[in-house]
Amino acid sequence: MSRRPSLDFVTTDEILKELKKRFDDFIIVGSAKRTSEQDDYVITFKGTYHGILGLCELGRLAAEAGGDDVKDDPTR
């Protein structure tokens, strides 16, 4: 059984830079609750205007459908 390398010590910025290299159109929106009174948000994107809007719409449809089903993703 092969072990995947840990990403614990890779910064979020480094991960996002790598993902941007792999995709033509790309959008990430994330949040992390840092304290009971403070949230941290990350919003980053790459691509054409219409490509980014299309991904936003696709994400909305996926959320309405109920989740992050990645069974068709060969990398998982």
N, C-alpha and C. Protein backbone atom coordinates (compact mmCIF):
# COMPACT_ATOMS: atom_id res chain seq x y z
N MET A 1 0.84 -1.16 0.00
CA MET A 1 0.00 0.00 0.00
C MET A 1 0.90 1.25 0.00
N SER A 2 0.68 2.15 -0.96
CA SER A 2 1.49 3.36 -1.02
C SER A 2 0.86 4.45 -0.18
N ARG A 3 1.71 5.24 0.45
CA ARG A 3 1.22 6.35 1.27
C ARG A 3 1.35 7.63 0.47
N ARG A 4 0.32 8.45 0.56
CA ARG A 4 0.35 9.77 -0.07
C ARG A 4 1.13 10.72 0.82
N PRO A 5 1.87 11.64 0.21
CA PRO A 5 2.60 12.60 1.05
C PRO A 5 1.62 13.53 1.78
N SER A 6 2.00 13.93 2.97
CA SER A 6 1.15 14.81 3.76
C SER A 6 1.23 16.24 3.23
N LEU A 7 0.09 16.91 3.19
CA LEU A 7 0.04 18.31 2.79
C LEU A 7 -0.03 19.24 4.01
N ASP A 8 0.14 18.69 5.19
CA ASP A 8 0.03 19.48 6.42
C ASP A 8 0.99 20.66 6.45
N PHE A 9 2.15 20.52 5.87
CA PHE A 9 3.16 21.57 5.95
C PHE A 9 3.28 22.37 4.66
N VAL A 10 2.35 22.17 3.74
CA VAL A 10 2.31 22.94 2.50
C VAL A 10 1.33 24.09 2.71
N THR A 11 1.75 25.30 2.41
CA THR A 11 0.88 26.45 2.64
C THR A 11 -0.28 26.45 1.66
N THR A 12 -1.33 27.12 2.06
CA THR A 12 -2.51 27.26 1.20
C THR A 12 -2.11 27.95 -0.10
N ASP A 13 -1.29 28.98 -0.03
CA ASP A 13 -0.84 29.68 -1.24
C ASP A 13 -0.12 28.75 -2.20
N GLU A 14 0.73 27.86 -1.69
CA GLU A 14 1.45 26.92 -2.55
C GLU A 14 0.48 25.93 -3.20
N ILE A 15 -0.49 25.46 -2.46
CA ILE A 15 -1.49 24.53 -3.01
C ILE A 15 -2.28 25.22 -4.11
N LEU A 16 -2.73 26.44 -3.87
CA LEU A 16 -3.52 27.16 -4.86
C LEU A 16 -2.71 27.45 -6.12
N LYS A 17 -1.44 27.81 -5.98
CA LYS A 17 -0.58 28.04 -7.15
C LYS A 17 -0.46 26.76 -7.99
N GLU A 18 -0.31 25.63 -7.32
CA GLU A 18 -0.20 24.36 -8.05
C GLU A 18 -1.51 24.03 -8.76
N LEU A 19 -2.64 24.22 -8.10
CA LEU A 19 -3.93 23.94 -8.74
C LEU A 19 -4.16 24.84 -9.94
N LYS A 20 -3.76 26.10 -9.83
CA LYS A 20 -3.93 27.03 -10.95
C LYS A 20 -3.12 26.58 -12.17
N LYS A 21 -2.01 25.89 -11.95
CA LYS A 21 -1.21 25.39 -13.08
C LYS A 21 -1.91 24.24 -13.79
N ARG A 22 -2.77 23.54 -13.08
CA ARG A 22 -3.38 22.32 -13.62
C ARG A 22 -4.69 22.54 -14.36
N PHE A 23 -5.31 23.71 -14.20
CA PHE A 23 -6.63 23.94 -14.77
C PHE A 23 -6.66 25.22 -15.60
N ASP A 24 -7.47 25.22 -16.67
CA ASP A 24 -7.65 26.41 -17.49
C ASP A 24 -8.58 27.41 -16.80
N ASP A 25 -9.68 26.94 -16.29
CA ASP A 25 -10.62 27.75 -15.53
C ASP A 25 -10.69 27.16 -14.14
N PHE A 26 -10.74 28.02 -13.13
CA PHE A 26 -10.54 27.56 -11.77
C PHE A 26 -11.16 28.55 -10.81
N ILE A 27 -11.89 28.07 -9.82
CA ILE A 27 -12.40 28.94 -8.75
C ILE A 27 -12.42 28.16 -7.45
N ILE A 28 -11.92 28.81 -6.41
CA ILE A 28 -11.96 28.24 -5.06
C ILE A 28 -12.52 29.31 -4.13
N VAL A 29 -13.50 28.92 -3.34
CA VAL A 29 -14.02 29.77 -2.28
C VAL A 29 -14.03 28.90 -1.03
N GLY A 30 -13.32 29.34 -0.03
CA GLY A 30 -13.25 28.56 1.20
C GLY A 30 -13.34 29.45 2.42
N SER A 31 -13.75 28.86 3.52
CA SER A 31 -13.78 29.60 4.78
C SER A 31 -13.30 28.70 5.90
N ALA A 32 -12.72 29.33 6.91
CA ALA A 32 -12.27 28.62 8.09
C ALA A 32 -12.61 29.46 9.31
N LYS A 33 -13.21 28.84 10.28
CA LYS A 33 -13.54 29.54 11.52
C LYS A 33 -12.28 29.54 12.38
N ARG A 34 -11.66 30.70 12.53
CA ARG A 34 -10.41 30.82 13.28
C ARG A 34 -10.65 30.91 14.78
N THR A 35 -11.62 31.70 15.16
CA THR A 35 -12.02 31.82 16.56
C THR A 35 -13.54 31.91 16.59
N SER A 36 -14.11 32.02 17.76
CA SER A 36 -15.56 32.13 17.85
C SER A 36 -16.07 33.44 17.27
N GLU A 37 -15.16 34.39 17.07
CA GLU A 37 -15.55 35.70 16.53
C GLU A 37 -14.89 36.05 15.21
N GLN A 38 -14.04 35.18 14.68
CA GLN A 38 -13.29 35.52 13.48
C GLN A 38 -13.29 34.37 12.48
N ASP A 39 -13.65 34.70 11.24
CA ASP A 39 -13.59 33.74 10.13
C ASP A 39 -12.52 34.20 9.15
N ASP A 40 -11.96 33.24 8.43
CA ASP A 40 -10.97 33.54 7.40
C ASP A 40 -11.53 33.03 6.07
N TYR A 41 -11.51 33.88 5.05
CA TYR A 41 -12.04 33.51 3.74
C TYR A 41 -10.93 33.53 2.71
N VAL A 42 -10.99 32.59 1.78
CA VAL A 42 -10.08 32.54 0.64
C VAL A 42 -10.95 32.52 -0.61
N ILE A 43 -10.68 33.44 -1.51
CA ILE A 43 -11.36 33.47 -2.80
C ILE A 43 -10.28 33.66 -3.85
N THR A 44 -10.18 32.71 -4.75
CA THR A 44 -9.19 32.82 -5.82
C THR A 44 -9.77 32.20 -7.09
N PHE A 45 -9.35 32.72 -8.21
CA PHE A 45 -9.87 32.21 -9.48
C PHE A 45 -8.86 32.46 -10.59
N LYS A 46 -9.07 31.74 -11.69
CA LYS A 46 -8.24 31.88 -12.88
C LYS A 46 -9.11 31.49 -14.06
N GLY A 47 -8.97 32.19 -15.17
CA GLY A 47 -9.68 31.79 -16.38
C GLY A 47 -10.43 32.94 -17.00
N THR A 48 -11.25 32.58 -17.96
CA THR A 48 -12.04 33.58 -18.66
C THR A 48 -13.24 33.96 -17.81
N TYR A 49 -13.77 35.11 -18.08
CA TYR A 49 -14.96 35.60 -17.37
C TYR A 49 -16.10 34.58 -17.44
N HIS A 50 -16.40 34.13 -18.65
CA HIS A 50 -17.51 33.18 -18.83
C HIS A 50 -17.19 31.81 -18.24
N GLY A 51 -15.94 31.41 -18.30
CA GLY A 51 -15.55 30.13 -17.70
C GLY A 51 -15.73 30.15 -16.19
N ILE A 52 -15.33 31.26 -15.57
CA ILE A 52 -15.47 31.39 -14.12
C ILE A 52 -16.94 31.43 -13.71
N LEU A 53 -17.75 32.20 -14.45
CA LEU A 53 -19.18 32.24 -14.13
C LEU A 53 -19.83 30.87 -14.33
N GLY A 54 -19.40 30.15 -15.36
CA GLY A 54 -19.92 28.80 -15.59
C GLY A 54 -19.59 27.87 -14.44
N LEU A 55 -18.39 27.97 -13.90
CA LEU A 55 -18.01 27.14 -12.76
C LEU A 55 -18.81 27.51 -11.52
N CYS A 56 -19.08 28.80 -11.33
CA CYS A 56 -19.92 29.22 -10.21
C CYS A 56 -21.31 28.58 -10.33
N GLU A 57 -21.87 28.61 -11.51
CA GLU A 57 -23.19 28.02 -11.74
C GLU A 57 -23.15 26.51 -11.53
N LEU A 58 -22.11 25.87 -12.01
CA LEU A 58 -21.97 24.43 -11.81
C LEU A 58 -21.88 24.09 -10.33
N GLY A 59 -21.13 24.90 -9.58
CA GLY A 59 -21.05 24.70 -8.13
C GLY A 59 -22.39 24.87 -7.44
N ARG A 60 -23.16 25.87 -7.88
CA ARG A 60 -24.49 26.09 -7.31
C ARG A 60 -25.39 24.89 -7.58
N LEU A 61 -25.35 24.39 -8.80
CA LEU A 61 -26.18 23.22 -9.14
C LEU A 61 -25.76 21.99 -8.34
N ALA A 62 -24.46 21.81 -8.16
CA ALA A 62 -23.97 20.67 -7.37
C ALA A 62 -24.41 20.78 -5.92
N ALA A 63 -24.36 22.00 -5.36
CA ALA A 63 -24.80 22.20 -3.98
C ALA A 63 -26.29 21.90 -3.84
N GLU A 64 -27.07 22.34 -4.80
CA GLU A 64 -28.51 22.07 -4.76
C GLU A 64 -28.81 20.58 -4.90
N ALA A 65 -27.96 19.88 -5.65
CA ALA A 65 -28.16 18.45 -5.84
C ALA A 65 -27.74 17.64 -4.63
N GLY A 66 -26.99 18.26 -3.73
CA GLY A 66 -26.71 17.59 -2.47
C GLY A 66 -25.30 17.10 -2.25
N GLY A 67 -24.30 17.73 -2.81
CA GLY A 67 -23.00 17.29 -2.35
C GLY A 67 -21.87 17.36 -3.32
N ASP A 68 -20.82 16.66 -2.91
CA ASP A 68 -19.56 16.68 -3.65
C ASP A 68 -19.22 15.29 -4.17
N ASP A 69 -20.15 14.68 -4.84
CA ASP A 69 -19.94 13.33 -5.37
C ASP A 69 -18.81 13.35 -6.38
N VAL A 70 -17.72 12.66 -6.06
CA VAL A 70 -16.55 12.65 -6.95
C VAL A 70 -16.28 11.26 -7.50
N LYS A 71 -17.30 10.42 -7.56
CA LYS A 71 -17.08 9.04 -8.00
C LYS A 71 -16.59 8.96 -9.44
N ASP A 72 -16.89 9.98 -10.26
CA ASP A 72 -16.42 9.98 -11.64
C ASP A 72 -15.05 10.59 -11.79
N ASP A 73 -14.45 11.04 -10.70
CA ASP A 73 -13.12 11.65 -10.74
C ASP A 73 -12.07 10.54 -10.66
N PRO A 74 -11.29 10.33 -11.73
CA PRO A 74 -10.31 9.24 -11.73
C PRO A 74 -9.16 9.46 -10.76
N THR A 75 -8.99 10.67 -10.23
CA THR A 75 -7.88 10.92 -9.30
C THR A 75 -8.22 10.56 -7.87
N ARG A 76 -9.46 10.15 -7.60
CA ARG A 76 -9.84 9.82 -6.22
C ARG A 76 -9.99 8.34 -6.04
